[in-house]
Amino acid sequence: MKIKTIRIKRGYDLPTEKERDVKGMILMLALFAFGMIVGAGLLRSDSSDFIRDFVCVFDAYSDARGSQKIYTVFFHSIAVNFLFLISAFGFGLSCIGLPITVMLPVIKGLGMGIVSGYLFSHFAMSGIGYYLLTIFPGSVLSSSALLLACNSGSFMSMDILATVTGRKTPEAEMIKNYLKQFLILLILTIAGSLVDAILTRSLSYLFSV
């Protein structure tokens, strides 16, 4: 007895380099999501000292953002986002930078998870509205830029290590393409910080958090 099977053939084949980038990006998204889940879960723990300290810091931070000029909010936002971006860029140029570029999405997700968890659990609909309208849009852009930067930095670090150990031949365009990628990501990061500043100054007065 013969049983015929149906084989589904893919209509496309990704180049090895592109397939590597896609898999790496999936990993970065998973690490970022892991950080957010852990961050949100911290507020459910019994660490009352941590919650009390965080509430004091967040209240002072949100009050300051609500009263600052738009350019001040923008520069504070770009300073934080640029710190993450330049870290991914710098460690990507190191043959031992892989552990840092992999940890950056977790750290970013951890911070966002703590903030979103606090707003959702303590302010209900008002907190949800504040997060979705003032924090989330800009964070989508800046976080996307960071994840792409960490993905690119991780593979660059691996390629440099492979070149140093003689397992890969140097490529003339490698650093050039790396710089081009980060220039684009810098523009995306600036756009995210600008959106963050505009929405904060335009809409934060609508919510009492």
C-alpha atoms as a PDB file:
ATOM      1  CA  MET A   1       0.000   0.000   0.000  1.00  0.00           C
ATOM      2  CA  LYS A   2       1.420   3.337  -1.027  1.00  0.00           C
ATOM      3  CA  ILE A   3       0.459   6.576   0.629  1.00  0.00           C
ATOM      4  CA  LYS A   4       0.993   9.735  -1.301  1.00  0.00           C
ATOM      5  CA  THR A   5       2.205  12.688   0.687  1.00  0.00           C
ATOM      6  CA  ILE A   6       1.862  16.334  -0.132  1.00  0.00           C
ATOM      7  CA  ARG A   7       5.020  18.400  -0.039  1.00  0.00           C
ATOM      8  CA  ILE A   8       4.706  22.120   0.353  1.00  0.00           C
ATOM      9  CA  LYS A   9       7.481  23.847  -1.460  1.00  0.00           C
ATOM     10  CA  ARG A  10       8.496  27.313  -0.416  1.00  0.00           C
ATOM     11  CA  GLY A  11       8.042  29.856  -3.144  1.00  0.00           C
ATOM     12  CA  TYR A  12      11.116  31.740  -2.049  1.00  0.00           C
ATOM     13  CA  ASP A  13      14.557  31.076  -0.627  1.00  0.00           C
ATOM     14  CA  LEU A  14      16.156  33.679   1.568  1.00  0.00           C
ATOM     15  CA  PRO A  15      19.875  34.286   1.098  1.00  0.00           C
ATOM     16  CA  THR A  16      21.974  32.971   3.977  1.00  0.00           C
ATOM     17  CA  GLU A  17      22.778  36.484   5.177  1.00  0.00           C
ATOM     18  CA  LYS A  18      19.122  37.555   5.176  1.00  0.00           C
ATOM     19  CA  GLU A  19      18.007  34.355   6.872  1.00  0.00           C
ATOM     20  CA  ARG A  20      20.572  34.986   9.599  1.00  0.00           C
ATOM     21  CA  ASP A  21      19.251  38.514  10.120  1.00  0.00           C
ATOM     22  CA  VAL A  22      15.642  37.309  10.345  1.00  0.00           C
ATOM     23  CA  LYS A  23      16.489  34.648  12.921  1.00  0.00           C
ATOM     24  CA  GLY A  24      18.546  37.137  14.881  1.00  0.00           C
ATOM     25  CA  MET A  25      15.699  39.646  14.888  1.00  0.00           C
ATOM     26  CA  ILE A  26      13.299  37.008  16.189  1.00  0.00           C
ATOM     27  CA  LEU A  27      15.727  36.346  19.029  1.00  0.00           C
ATOM     28  CA  MET A  28      16.001  40.069  19.821  1.00  0.00           C
ATOM     29  CA  LEU A  29      12.206  40.386  19.925  1.00  0.00           C
ATOM     30  CA  ALA A  30      12.016  37.381  22.247  1.00  0.00           C
ATOM     31  CA  LEU A  31      14.623  38.885  24.585  1.00  0.00           C
ATOM     32  CA  PHE A  32      12.814  42.218  24.578  1.00  0.00           C
ATOM     33  CA  ALA A  33       9.489  40.537  25.351  1.00  0.00           C
ATOM     34  CA  PHE A  34      11.153  38.529  28.122  1.00  0.00           C
ATOM     35  CA  GLY A  35      12.441  41.755  29.663  1.00  0.00           C
ATOM     36  CA  MET A  36       8.989  43.342  29.537  1.00  0.00           C
ATOM     37  CA  ILE A  37       7.363  40.319  31.183  1.00  0.00           C
ATOM     38  CA  VAL A  38       9.941  40.254  33.972  1.00  0.00           C
ATOM     39  CA  GLY A  39       9.682  44.034  34.443  1.00  0.00           C
ATOM     40  CA  ALA A  40       5.898  43.949  34.721  1.00  0.00           C
ATOM     41  CA  GLY A  41       6.154  41.020  37.134  1.00  0.00           C
ATOM     42  CA  LEU A  42       8.468  42.913  39.484  1.00  0.00           C
ATOM     43  CA  LEU A  43       5.577  45.089  40.617  1.00  0.00           C
ATOM     44  CA  ARG A  44       3.645  41.986  41.638  1.00  0.00           C
ATOM     45  CA  SER A  45       6.381  40.822  43.983  1.00  0.00           C
ATOM     46  CA  ASP A  46       6.489  41.416  47.733  1.00  0.00           C
ATOM     47  CA  SER A  47       9.313  43.930  47.443  1.00  0.00           C
ATOM     48  CA  SER A  48       7.439  46.901  48.888  1.00  0.00           C
ATOM     49  CA  ASP A  49      10.641  48.943  49.163  1.00  0.00           C
ATOM     50  CA  PHE A  50      11.255  48.586  45.439  1.00  0.00           C
ATOM     51  CA  ILE A  51       7.694  49.619  44.604  1.00  0.00           C
ATOM     52  CA  ARG A  52       7.809  52.601  46.941  1.00  0.00           C
ATOM     53  CA  ASP A  53      11.148  53.802  45.533  1.00  0.00           C
ATOM     54  CA  PHE A  54       9.951  53.346  41.965  1.00  0.00           C
ATOM     55  CA  VAL A  55       6.727  55.268  42.621  1.00  0.00           C
ATOM     56  CA  CYS A  56       8.709  58.217  44.014  1.00  0.00           C
ATOM     57  CA  VAL A  57      11.080  58.257  41.046  1.00  0.00           C
ATOM     58  CA  PHE A  58       8.333  57.823  38.446  1.00  0.00           C
ATOM     59  CA  ASP A  59       6.099  60.511  39.966  1.00  0.00           C
ATOM     60  CA  ALA A  60       8.965  63.007  39.969  1.00  0.00           C
ATOM     61  CA  TYR A  61       9.893  62.025  36.414  1.00  0.00           C
ATOM     62  CA  SER A  62       6.340  62.294  35.019  1.00  0.00           C
ATOM     63  CA  ASP A  63       5.759  65.640  36.774  1.00  0.00           C
ATOM     64  CA  ALA A  64       8.994  66.999  35.313  1.00  0.00           C
ATOM     65  CA  ARG A  65       8.131  65.823  31.795  1.00  0.00           C
ATOM     66  CA  GLY A  66       4.697  67.402  32.033  1.00  0.00           C
ATOM     67  CA  SER A  67       6.100  70.804  32.975  1.00  0.00           C
ATOM     68  CA  GLN A  68       9.217  70.937  30.781  1.00  0.00           C
ATOM     69  CA  LYS A  69       9.506  72.632  27.415  1.00  0.00           C
ATOM     70  CA  ILE A  70       9.151  70.370  24.396  1.00  0.00           C
ATOM     71  CA  TYR A  71      12.824  70.711  23.441  1.00  0.00           C
ATOM     72  CA  THR A  72      13.874  69.733  26.973  1.00  0.00           C
ATOM     73  CA  VAL A  73      11.720  66.597  26.851  1.00  0.00           C
ATOM     74  CA  PHE A  74      13.176  65.817  23.420  1.00  0.00           C
ATOM     75  CA  PHE A  75      16.794  66.166  24.528  1.00  0.00           C
ATOM     76  CA  HIS A  76      16.215  64.018  27.620  1.00  0.00           C
ATOM     77  CA  SER A  77      14.528  61.363  25.490  1.00  0.00           C
ATOM     78  CA  ILE A  78      17.214  61.365  22.796  1.00  0.00           C
ATOM     79  CA  ALA A  79      19.944  61.177  25.456  1.00  0.00           C
ATOM     80  CA  VAL A  80      18.520  57.933  26.870  1.00  0.00           C
ATOM     81  CA  ASN A  81      17.800  56.405  23.461  1.00  0.00           C
ATOM     82  CA  PHE A  82      21.166  57.474  22.072  1.00  0.00           C
ATOM     83  CA  LEU A  83      22.932  55.823  25.031  1.00  0.00           C
ATOM     84  CA  PHE A  84      21.375  52.482  24.116  1.00  0.00           C
ATOM     85  CA  LEU A  85      22.089  52.974  20.406  1.00  0.00           C
ATOM     86  CA  ILE A  86      25.726  53.967  20.844  1.00  0.00           C
ATOM     87  CA  SER A  87      26.239  51.037  23.200  1.00  0.00           C
ATOM     88  CA  ALA A  88      24.969  48.615  20.558  1.00  0.00           C
ATOM     89  CA  PHE A  89      27.153  50.332  17.948  1.00  0.00           C
ATOM     90  CA  GLY A  90      30.316  50.342  20.053  1.00  0.00           C
ATOM     91  CA  PHE A  91      30.076  46.803  21.374  1.00  0.00           C
ATOM     92  CA  GLY A  92      29.197  45.604  17.879  1.00  0.00           C
ATOM     93  CA  LEU A  93      32.676  46.727  16.801  1.00  0.00           C
ATOM     94  CA  SER A  94      34.264  44.577  19.514  1.00  0.00           C
ATOM     95  CA  CYS A  95      35.011  40.893  19.068  1.00  0.00           C
ATOM     96  CA  ILE A  96      33.792  40.321  22.654  1.00  0.00           C
ATOM     97  CA  GLY A  97      30.754  42.601  22.477  1.00  0.00           C
ATOM     98  CA  LEU A  98      28.137  39.929  21.799  1.00  0.00           C
ATOM     99  CA  PRO A  99      27.006  39.449  25.450  1.00  0.00           C
ATOM    100  CA  ILE A 100      26.280  43.185  25.769  1.00  0.00           C
ATOM    101  CA  THR A 101      24.417  43.538  22.476  1.00  0.00           C
ATOM    102  CA  VAL A 102      22.267  40.574  23.481  1.00  0.00           C
ATOM    103  CA  MET A 103      21.525  42.002  26.939  1.00  0.00           C
ATOM    104  CA  LEU A 104      20.512  45.478  25.754  1.00  0.00           C
ATOM    105  CA  PRO A 105      17.031  44.375  24.513  1.00  0.00           C
ATOM    106  CA  VAL A 106      16.422  42.696  27.871  1.00  0.00           C
ATOM    107  CA  ILE A 107      17.380  45.874  29.754  1.00  0.00           C
ATOM    108  CA  LYS A 108      15.209  48.042  27.494  1.00  0.00           C
ATOM    109  CA  GLY A 109      12.284  45.649  27.838  1.00  0.00           C
ATOM    110  CA  LEU A 110      12.768  45.488  31.592  1.00  0.00           C
ATOM    111  CA  GLY A 111      12.417  49.262  31.901  1.00  0.00           C
ATOM    112  CA  MET A 112       9.366  49.437  29.658  1.00  0.00           C
ATOM    113  CA  GLY A 113       7.783  46.494  31.452  1.00  0.00           C
ATOM    114  CA  ILE A 114       8.174  48.147  34.843  1.00  0.00           C
ATOM    115  CA  VAL A 115       6.655  51.421  33.608  1.00  0.00           C
ATOM    116  CA  SER A 116       3.745  49.800  31.764  1.00  0.00           C
ATOM    117  CA  GLY A 117       3.049  47.387  34.626  1.00  0.00           C
ATOM    118  CA  TYR A 118       2.997  50.229  37.123  1.00  0.00           C
ATOM    119  CA  LEU A 119       0.642  52.347  35.028  1.00  0.00           C
ATOM    120  CA  PHE A 120      -1.719  49.474  34.269  1.00  0.00           C
ATOM    121  CA  SER A 121      -1.915  48.170  37.842  1.00  0.00           C
ATOM    122  CA  HIS A 122      -2.126  51.485  39.718  1.00  0.00           C
ATOM    123  CA  PHE A 123      -4.099  53.773  37.404  1.00  0.00           C
ATOM    124  CA  ALA A 124      -6.359  51.390  35.474  1.00  0.00           C
ATOM    125  CA  MET A 125      -7.828  53.037  32.339  1.00  0.00           C
ATOM    126  CA  SER A 126      -6.113  56.351  32.987  1.00  0.00           C
ATOM    127  CA  GLY A 127      -2.755  54.597  33.130  1.00  0.00           C
ATOM    128  CA  ILE A 128      -3.511  52.622  29.986  1.00  0.00           C
ATOM    129  CA  GLY A 129      -4.494  55.792  28.144  1.00  0.00           C
ATOM    130  CA  TYR A 130      -1.394  57.636  29.330  1.00  0.00           C
ATOM    131  CA  TYR A 131       0.874  54.797  28.232  1.00  0.00           C
ATOM    132  CA  LEU A 132      -0.741  54.215  24.838  1.00  0.00           C
ATOM    133  CA  LEU A 133      -0.967  57.899  23.890  1.00  0.00           C
ATOM    134  CA  THR A 134       2.217  59.423  25.324  1.00  0.00           C
ATOM    135  CA  ILE A 135       4.790  56.646  25.796  1.00  0.00           C
ATOM    136  CA  PHE A 136       3.991  53.802  23.420  1.00  0.00           C
ATOM    137  CA  PRO A 137       4.166  55.528  19.964  1.00  0.00           C
ATOM    138  CA  GLY A 138       7.644  56.951  20.472  1.00  0.00           C
ATOM    139  CA  SER A 139       8.807  53.760  22.155  1.00  0.00           C
ATOM    140  CA  VAL A 140       7.784  51.709  19.132  1.00  0.00           C
ATOM    141  CA  LEU A 141      10.187  53.687  16.945  1.00  0.00           C
ATOM    142  CA  SER A 142      13.080  53.900  19.406  1.00  0.00           C
ATOM    143  CA  SER A 143      12.736  50.275  20.534  1.00  0.00           C
ATOM    144  CA  SER A 144      12.561  49.062  16.931  1.00  0.00           C
ATOM    145  CA  ALA A 145      15.742  51.001  16.173  1.00  0.00           C
ATOM    146  CA  LEU A 146      17.442  49.483  19.222  1.00  0.00           C
ATOM    147  CA  LEU A 147      16.446  45.917  18.346  1.00  0.00           C
ATOM    148  CA  LEU A 148      17.706  46.368  14.783  1.00  0.00           C
ATOM    149  CA  ALA A 149      20.895  47.918  16.153  1.00  0.00           C
ATOM    150  CA  CYS A 150      21.463  45.062  18.592  1.00  0.00           C
ATOM    151  CA  ASN A 151      20.824  42.528  15.848  1.00  0.00           C
ATOM    152  CA  SER A 152      23.298  44.226  13.531  1.00  0.00           C
ATOM    153  CA  GLY A 153      25.818  44.754  16.347  1.00  0.00           C
ATOM    154  CA  SER A 154      25.625  41.123  17.445  1.00  0.00           C
ATOM    155  CA  PHE A 155      26.402  39.781  13.983  1.00  0.00           C
ATOM    156  CA  MET A 156      29.120  42.365  13.442  1.00  0.00           C
ATOM    157  CA  SER A 157      30.771  41.299  16.697  1.00  0.00           C
ATOM    158  CA  MET A 158      30.541  37.659  15.613  1.00  0.00           C
ATOM    159  CA  ASP A 159      31.987  38.473  12.189  1.00  0.00           C
ATOM    160  CA  ILE A 160      34.877  40.417  13.715  1.00  0.00           C
ATOM    161  CA  LEU A 161      35.610  37.537  16.085  1.00  0.00           C
ATOM    162  CA  ALA A 162      35.540  35.103  13.148  1.00  0.00           C
ATOM    163  CA  THR A 163      37.917  37.375  11.219  1.00  0.00           C
ATOM    164  CA  VAL A 164      40.323  37.705  14.165  1.00  0.00           C
ATOM    165  CA  THR A 165      40.424  33.934  14.672  1.00  0.00           C
ATOM    166  CA  GLY A 166      40.966  33.321  10.952  1.00  0.00           C
ATOM    167  CA  ARG A 167      37.629  31.593  10.328  1.00  0.00           C
ATOM    168  CA  LYS A 168      36.457  34.325   7.977  1.00  0.00           C
ATOM    169  CA  THR A 169      38.192  36.528   5.452  1.00  0.00           C
ATOM    170  CA  PRO A 170      37.879  40.331   5.947  1.00  0.00           C
ATOM    171  CA  GLU A 171      35.316  42.079   3.769  1.00  0.00           C
ATOM    172  CA  ALA A 172      35.938  45.629   2.609  1.00  0.00           C
ATOM    173  CA  GLU A 173      32.270  46.608   2.686  1.00  0.00           C
ATOM    174  CA  MET A 174      31.529  45.176   6.147  1.00  0.00           C
ATOM    175  CA  ILE A 175      32.297  48.288   8.221  1.00  0.00           C
ATOM    176  CA  LYS A 176      30.908  50.621   5.554  1.00  0.00           C
ATOM    177  CA  ASN A 177      27.543  48.853   5.505  1.00  0.00           C
ATOM    178  CA  TYR A 178      27.539  48.769   9.297  1.00  0.00           C
ATOM    179  CA  LEU A 179      27.954  52.553   9.472  1.00  0.00           C
ATOM    180  CA  LYS A 180      25.182  53.071   6.912  1.00  0.00           C
ATOM    181  CA  GLN A 181      22.805  50.905   8.914  1.00  0.00           C
ATOM    182  CA  PHE A 182      23.439  52.827  12.117  1.00  0.00           C
ATOM    183  CA  LEU A 183      23.023  56.164  10.381  1.00  0.00           C
ATOM    184  CA  ILE A 184      19.521  55.088   9.369  1.00  0.00           C
ATOM    185  CA  LEU A 185      18.845  53.769  12.879  1.00  0.00           C
ATOM    186  CA  LEU A 186      20.022  57.066  14.358  1.00  0.00           C
ATOM    187  CA  ILE A 187      17.447  58.903  12.245  1.00  0.00           C
ATOM    188  CA  LEU A 188      14.761  56.454  13.406  1.00  0.00           C
ATOM    189  CA  THR A 189      15.815  56.997  17.028  1.00  0.00           C
ATOM    190  CA  ILE A 190      15.622  60.776  16.633  1.00  0.00           C
ATOM    191  CA  ALA A 191      12.141  60.401  15.122  1.00  0.00           C
ATOM    192  CA  GLY A 192      11.060  58.270  18.091  1.00  0.00           C
ATOM    193  CA  SER A 193      12.322  60.847  20.587  1.00  0.00           C
ATOM    194  CA  LEU A 194      10.604  63.642  18.656  1.00  0.00           C
ATOM    195  CA  VAL A 195       7.285  61.782  18.681  1.00  0.00           C
ATOM    196  CA  ASP A 196       7.747  61.121  22.398  1.00  0.00           C
ATOM    197  CA  ALA A 197       8.345  64.811  23.125  1.00  0.00           C
ATOM    198  CA  ILE A 198       5.418  66.041  21.005  1.00  0.00           C
ATOM    199  CA  LEU A 199       2.912  63.607  22.483  1.00  0.00           C
ATOM    200  CA  THR A 200       4.117  64.189  26.037  1.00  0.00           C
ATOM    201  CA  ARG A 201       3.688  67.946  25.795  1.00  0.00           C
ATOM    202  CA  SER A 202       0.431  67.706  23.831  1.00  0.00           C
ATOM    203  CA  LEU A 203      -1.447  65.020  25.757  1.00  0.00           C
ATOM    204  CA  SER A 204       0.053  64.479  29.207  1.00  0.00           C
ATOM    205  CA  TYR A 205      -2.222  67.127  30.759  1.00  0.00           C
ATOM    206  CA  LEU A 206      -5.232  64.942  29.952  1.00  0.00           C
ATOM    207  CA  PHE A 207      -4.181  62.281  32.458  1.00  0.00           C
ATOM    208  CA  SER A 208      -3.524  62.367  36.170  1.00  0.00           C
ATOM    209  CA  VAL A 209      -0.858  59.737  36.897  1.00  0.00           C
END
